[in-house]
């Protein structure tokens, strides 16, 4: 039974981290780190989570933000 539980737990680990660093966000979007920081400074980027001095973006928030950008482009 213990073996079944541990196998079940490992299968639910996400393939992508829950929180992304700014370099990971930049790589995911195919843009530079500087561009990500510029978007964040203008409040035009994805929502961030601050953990002490660290800035992270949740993978789910990044996906939603990209979809929102896509929808805004379609409306123009």
N, C-alpha and C. Protein backbone atom coordinates (compact mmCIF):
# COMPACT_ATOMS: atom_id res chain seq x y z
N UNK A 1 0.82 -1.19 0.00
CA UNK A 1 0.00 0.00 0.00
C UNK A 1 0.87 1.26 0.00
N UNK A 2 1.94 1.28 0.78
CA UNK A 2 2.83 2.43 0.80
C UNK A 2 3.40 2.69 -0.59
N UNK A 3 3.74 1.63 -1.28
CA UNK A 3 4.32 1.78 -2.61
C UNK A 3 3.32 2.41 -3.57
N UNK A 4 2.05 2.02 -3.47
CA UNK A 4 1.01 2.58 -4.32
C UNK A 4 0.86 4.08 -4.09
N UNK A 5 0.92 4.50 -2.84
CA UNK A 5 0.76 5.92 -2.51
C UNK A 5 1.91 6.72 -3.08
N UNK A 6 3.15 6.25 -2.91
CA UNK A 6 4.29 7.01 -3.40
C UNK A 6 4.29 7.09 -4.92
N UNK A 7 3.86 6.04 -5.59
CA UNK A 7 3.78 6.09 -7.05
C UNK A 7 2.71 7.08 -7.49
N UNK A 8 1.59 7.11 -6.77
CA UNK A 8 0.50 8.01 -7.11
C UNK A 8 0.93 9.46 -6.91
N UNK A 9 1.65 9.76 -5.83
CA UNK A 9 2.09 11.12 -5.55
C UNK A 9 3.04 11.62 -6.63
N UNK A 10 3.98 10.80 -7.06
CA UNK A 10 4.95 11.26 -8.05
C UNK A 10 4.32 11.50 -9.41
N UNK A 11 3.22 10.83 -9.70
CA UNK A 11 2.58 11.03 -11.00
C UNK A 11 1.84 12.36 -11.07
N UNK A 12 1.59 12.99 -9.91
CA UNK A 12 0.86 14.25 -9.90
C UNK A 12 1.79 15.46 -9.88
N UNK A 13 3.10 15.25 -9.90
CA UNK A 13 4.03 16.37 -9.93
C UNK A 13 3.92 17.06 -11.29
N UNK A 14 3.85 18.39 -11.28
CA UNK A 14 3.74 19.09 -12.57
C UNK A 14 5.03 18.99 -13.36
N UNK A 15 4.89 18.96 -14.69
CA UNK A 15 6.08 18.90 -15.54
C UNK A 15 6.76 20.26 -15.58
N UNK A 16 6.02 21.31 -15.29
CA UNK A 16 6.56 22.66 -15.25
C UNK A 16 6.45 23.16 -13.81
N UNK A 17 7.43 23.95 -13.35
CA UNK A 17 7.34 24.45 -11.99
C UNK A 17 6.09 25.31 -11.79
N UNK A 18 5.59 25.33 -10.58
CA UNK A 18 4.41 26.12 -10.24
C UNK A 18 4.69 27.61 -10.38
N UNK A 19 5.88 28.04 -9.93
CA UNK A 19 6.29 29.44 -10.03
C UNK A 19 7.51 29.56 -10.92
N UNK A 20 7.50 30.55 -11.79
CA UNK A 20 8.59 30.75 -12.74
C UNK A 20 9.40 31.98 -12.37
N UNK A 21 10.70 31.91 -12.60
CA UNK A 21 11.56 33.08 -12.43
C UNK A 21 11.39 33.98 -13.65
N UNK A 22 11.90 35.19 -13.57
CA UNK A 22 11.81 36.11 -14.71
C UNK A 22 12.55 35.56 -15.93
N UNK A 23 13.76 34.98 -15.76
CA UNK A 23 14.41 34.38 -16.94
C UNK A 23 13.58 33.24 -17.56
N UNK A 24 12.89 32.46 -16.72
CA UNK A 24 12.04 31.39 -17.25
C UNK A 24 10.84 31.96 -18.00
N UNK A 25 10.28 33.05 -17.48
CA UNK A 25 9.16 33.71 -18.16
C UNK A 25 9.63 34.23 -19.52
N UNK A 26 10.79 34.88 -19.52
CA UNK A 26 11.34 35.42 -20.77
C UNK A 26 11.54 34.31 -21.79
N UNK A 27 12.11 33.22 -21.34
CA UNK A 27 12.36 32.09 -22.25
C UNK A 27 11.04 31.52 -22.77
N UNK A 28 10.05 31.39 -21.90
CA UNK A 28 8.74 30.86 -22.30
C UNK A 28 8.08 31.74 -23.35
N UNK A 29 8.26 33.07 -23.22
CA UNK A 29 7.63 34.01 -24.14
C UNK A 29 8.48 34.30 -25.37
N UNK A 30 9.76 33.91 -25.31
CA UNK A 30 10.66 34.17 -26.42
C UNK A 30 11.08 35.63 -26.50
N UNK A 31 11.16 36.28 -25.34
CA UNK A 31 11.60 37.68 -25.28
C UNK A 31 12.73 37.79 -24.28
N UNK A 32 13.36 38.97 -24.23
CA UNK A 32 14.48 39.15 -23.31
C UNK A 32 13.99 39.38 -21.88
N UNK A 33 14.90 39.16 -20.93
CA UNK A 33 14.59 39.44 -19.52
C UNK A 33 14.27 40.93 -19.37
N UNK A 34 15.03 41.77 -20.06
CA UNK A 34 14.82 43.21 -19.96
C UNK A 34 13.41 43.58 -20.40
N UNK A 35 12.92 42.94 -21.45
CA UNK A 35 11.56 43.23 -21.93
C UNK A 35 10.53 42.81 -20.88
N UNK A 36 10.74 41.67 -20.22
CA UNK A 36 9.82 41.24 -19.16
C UNK A 36 9.80 42.28 -18.05
N UNK A 37 10.99 42.72 -17.61
CA UNK A 37 11.05 43.73 -16.56
C UNK A 37 10.40 45.04 -17.00
N UNK A 38 10.56 45.41 -18.27
CA UNK A 38 9.92 46.62 -18.79
C UNK A 38 8.40 46.50 -18.73
N UNK A 39 7.88 45.35 -19.16
CA UNK A 39 6.43 45.12 -19.09
C UNK A 39 5.93 45.18 -17.65
N UNK A 40 6.68 44.58 -16.73
CA UNK A 40 6.28 44.60 -15.32
C UNK A 40 6.31 46.01 -14.75
N UNK A 41 7.31 46.79 -15.12
CA UNK A 41 7.43 48.17 -14.62
C UNK A 41 6.27 49.04 -15.10
N UNK A 42 5.77 48.74 -16.30
CA UNK A 42 4.64 49.49 -16.85
C UNK A 42 3.29 48.90 -16.43
N UNK A 43 3.31 47.88 -15.58
CA UNK A 43 2.10 47.14 -15.19
C UNK A 43 1.36 46.57 -16.39
N UNK A 44 2.12 46.16 -17.40
CA UNK A 44 1.54 45.57 -18.60
C UNK A 44 1.85 44.08 -18.71
N UNK A 45 2.59 43.56 -17.76
CA UNK A 45 3.00 42.16 -17.80
C UNK A 45 2.09 41.28 -16.96
N UNK A 46 2.45 40.02 -16.86
CA UNK A 46 1.65 39.09 -16.04
C UNK A 46 1.75 39.44 -14.56
N UNK A 47 0.76 39.05 -13.77
CA UNK A 47 0.81 39.31 -12.34
C UNK A 47 1.98 38.57 -11.70
N UNK A 48 2.59 39.20 -10.72
CA UNK A 48 3.76 38.61 -10.06
C UNK A 48 3.46 38.28 -8.61
N UNK A 49 4.29 37.41 -8.08
CA UNK A 49 4.27 37.05 -6.66
C UNK A 49 5.64 37.42 -6.12
N UNK A 50 5.67 38.20 -5.07
CA UNK A 50 6.94 38.59 -4.46
C UNK A 50 7.16 37.73 -3.22
N UNK A 51 8.30 37.07 -3.19
CA UNK A 51 8.71 36.25 -2.05
C UNK A 51 10.00 36.85 -1.53
N UNK A 52 9.89 37.72 -0.55
CA UNK A 52 11.06 38.46 -0.11
C UNK A 52 11.50 39.36 -1.24
N UNK A 53 12.77 39.22 -1.66
CA UNK A 53 13.27 40.01 -2.79
C UNK A 53 13.08 39.31 -4.13
N UNK A 54 12.61 38.09 -4.09
CA UNK A 54 12.42 37.32 -5.32
C UNK A 54 11.08 37.65 -5.97
N UNK A 55 11.09 37.69 -7.29
CA UNK A 55 9.87 37.92 -8.06
C UNK A 55 9.58 36.66 -8.86
N UNK A 56 8.39 36.16 -8.74
CA UNK A 56 7.98 34.96 -9.47
C UNK A 56 6.65 35.21 -10.16
N UNK A 57 6.40 34.40 -11.19
CA UNK A 57 5.13 34.44 -11.93
C UNK A 57 4.58 33.03 -11.92
N UNK A 58 3.33 32.88 -11.53
CA UNK A 58 2.75 31.53 -11.54
C UNK A 58 2.54 31.11 -13.00
N UNK A 59 2.76 29.85 -13.26
CA UNK A 59 2.61 29.32 -14.61
C UNK A 59 1.17 29.52 -15.10
N UNK A 60 0.21 29.33 -14.21
CA UNK A 60 -1.20 29.50 -14.58
C UNK A 60 -1.49 30.95 -14.93
N UNK A 61 -0.95 31.89 -14.14
CA UNK A 61 -1.17 33.32 -14.43
C UNK A 61 -0.54 33.71 -15.75
N UNK A 62 0.63 33.16 -16.03
CA UNK A 62 1.30 33.48 -17.30
C UNK A 62 0.45 33.00 -18.48
N UNK A 63 -0.09 31.80 -18.38
CA UNK A 63 -0.94 31.28 -19.46
C UNK A 63 -2.17 32.17 -19.66
N UNK A 64 -2.82 32.55 -18.54
CA UNK A 64 -4.00 33.43 -18.63
C UNK A 64 -3.63 34.77 -19.25
N UNK A 65 -2.49 35.33 -18.85
CA UNK A 65 -2.05 36.63 -19.36
C UNK A 65 -1.83 36.55 -20.88
N UNK A 66 -1.19 35.47 -21.33
CA UNK A 66 -0.96 35.30 -22.77
C UNK A 66 -2.29 35.21 -23.50
N UNK A 67 -3.24 34.47 -22.94
CA UNK A 67 -4.56 34.36 -23.58
C UNK A 67 -5.25 35.72 -23.63
N UNK A 68 -5.11 36.52 -22.56
CA UNK A 68 -5.70 37.86 -22.55
C UNK A 68 -5.07 38.74 -23.63
N UNK A 69 -3.76 38.63 -23.79
CA UNK A 69 -3.07 39.41 -24.83
C UNK A 69 -3.56 39.01 -26.20
N UNK A 70 -3.76 37.72 -26.37
CA UNK A 70 -4.26 37.20 -27.64
C UNK A 70 -5.65 37.75 -27.94
N UNK A 71 -6.52 37.73 -26.92
CA UNK A 71 -7.89 38.23 -27.09
C UNK A 71 -7.90 39.72 -27.39
N UNK A 72 -7.03 40.49 -26.73
CA UNK A 72 -6.96 41.92 -27.00
C UNK A 72 -6.51 42.18 -28.43
N UNK A 73 -5.58 41.39 -28.93
CA UNK A 73 -5.10 41.56 -30.31
C UNK A 73 -6.20 41.25 -31.30
N UNK A 74 -7.05 40.28 -30.99
CA UNK A 74 -8.15 39.94 -31.90
C UNK A 74 -9.19 41.04 -31.96
N UNK A 75 -9.35 41.79 -30.86
CA UNK A 75 -10.36 42.84 -30.83
C UNK A 75 -9.92 44.10 -31.56
N UNK A 76 -8.62 44.25 -31.79
CA UNK A 76 -8.14 45.46 -32.46
C UNK A 76 -8.29 45.40 -33.95
